[in-house]
Amino acid sequence: MATLTEKFGLRIRELRKKQGLTQEKLAELAKMDYSYLNLIEAGKRNPSLKRVAKLARVLKISLSELFKF
């Protein structure tokens, strides 16, 4: 069973791909390092609430939508 961190990473990847964004572009828009975004998507990093909110804003979705797995 996937952990919450893994589910969150998969959701970010899904939303990013739906919008046609590369990891590099999403990281640039969210003002974070590409390698850190890569680790988030891989379920290996647990981002802060501040970063989660920034990702939601950049992806133009609500926080609740971000957590619909």
Protein backbone atom coordinates (compact mmCIF):
# COMPACT_ATOMS: atom_id res chain seq x y z
CA MET A 1 0.00 0.00 0.00
CA ALA A 2 1.31 3.41 -0.99
CA THR A 3 2.16 5.95 1.68
CA LEU A 4 0.57 9.41 1.74
CA THR A 5 3.84 10.87 0.48
CA GLU A 6 3.87 8.45 -2.46
CA LYS A 7 0.21 9.15 -3.28
CA PHE A 8 0.85 12.88 -3.17
CA GLY A 9 3.83 12.54 -5.51
CA LEU A 10 1.81 10.52 -7.99
CA ARG A 11 -0.96 13.13 -7.88
CA ILE A 12 1.50 15.95 -8.60
CA ARG A 13 2.90 13.97 -11.53
CA GLU A 14 -0.60 13.26 -12.87
CA LEU A 15 -1.66 16.92 -12.67
CA ARG A 16 1.62 18.14 -14.15
CA LYS A 17 1.33 15.81 -17.13
CA LYS A 18 -2.34 16.74 -17.67
CA GLN A 19 -1.20 20.34 -18.07
CA GLY A 20 1.61 19.39 -20.43
CA LEU A 21 4.34 20.58 -18.08
CA THR A 22 7.77 19.04 -17.69
CA GLN A 23 9.25 18.63 -14.23
CA GLU A 24 11.72 21.34 -15.12
CA LYS A 25 8.97 23.81 -16.09
CA LEU A 26 6.81 23.09 -13.03
CA ALA A 27 9.84 23.45 -10.77
CA GLU A 28 10.71 26.76 -12.43
CA LEU A 29 7.14 28.09 -12.05
CA ALA A 30 7.01 26.96 -8.41
CA LYS A 31 10.47 28.42 -7.76
CA MET A 32 11.93 25.17 -6.48
CA ASP A 33 14.84 23.05 -7.54
CA TYR A 34 14.01 20.49 -10.22
CA SER A 35 15.71 17.70 -8.25
CA TYR A 36 13.50 18.43 -5.23
CA LEU A 37 10.34 18.23 -7.37
CA ASN A 38 11.64 14.96 -8.77
CA LEU A 39 11.95 13.58 -5.22
CA ILE A 40 8.44 14.80 -4.34
CA GLU A 41 6.99 13.02 -7.37
CA ALA A 42 8.94 9.89 -6.47
CA GLY A 43 7.38 9.94 -3.00
CA LYS A 44 10.75 10.40 -1.34
CA ARG A 45 10.22 13.91 0.05
CA ASN A 46 7.44 15.33 2.18
CA PRO A 47 7.04 18.96 1.09
CA SER A 48 6.15 21.72 3.53
CA LEU A 49 2.66 23.21 3.52
CA LYS A 50 4.10 26.33 1.95
CA ARG A 51 5.44 24.31 -0.99
CA VAL A 52 2.20 22.34 -1.30
CA ALA A 53 0.24 25.61 -1.49
CA LYS A 54 2.67 26.95 -4.10
CA LEU A 55 2.29 23.82 -6.24
CA ALA A 56 -1.51 24.10 -6.06
CA ARG A 57 -1.33 27.75 -7.08
CA VAL A 58 0.99 27.03 -10.01
CA LEU A 59 -1.17 24.10 -11.14
CA LYS A 60 -4.23 26.38 -10.79
CA ILE A 61 -6.15 24.00 -8.55
CA SER A 62 -7.46 24.12 -4.99
CA LEU A 63 -5.63 22.44 -2.14
CA SER A 64 -8.51 20.00 -1.73
CA GLU A 65 -8.27 19.04 -5.41
CA LEU A 66 -4.57 18.39 -4.95
CA PHE A 67 -5.35 15.71 -2.36
CA LYS A 68 -7.95 13.78 -4.37
CA PHE A 69 -6.21 10.46 -4.89
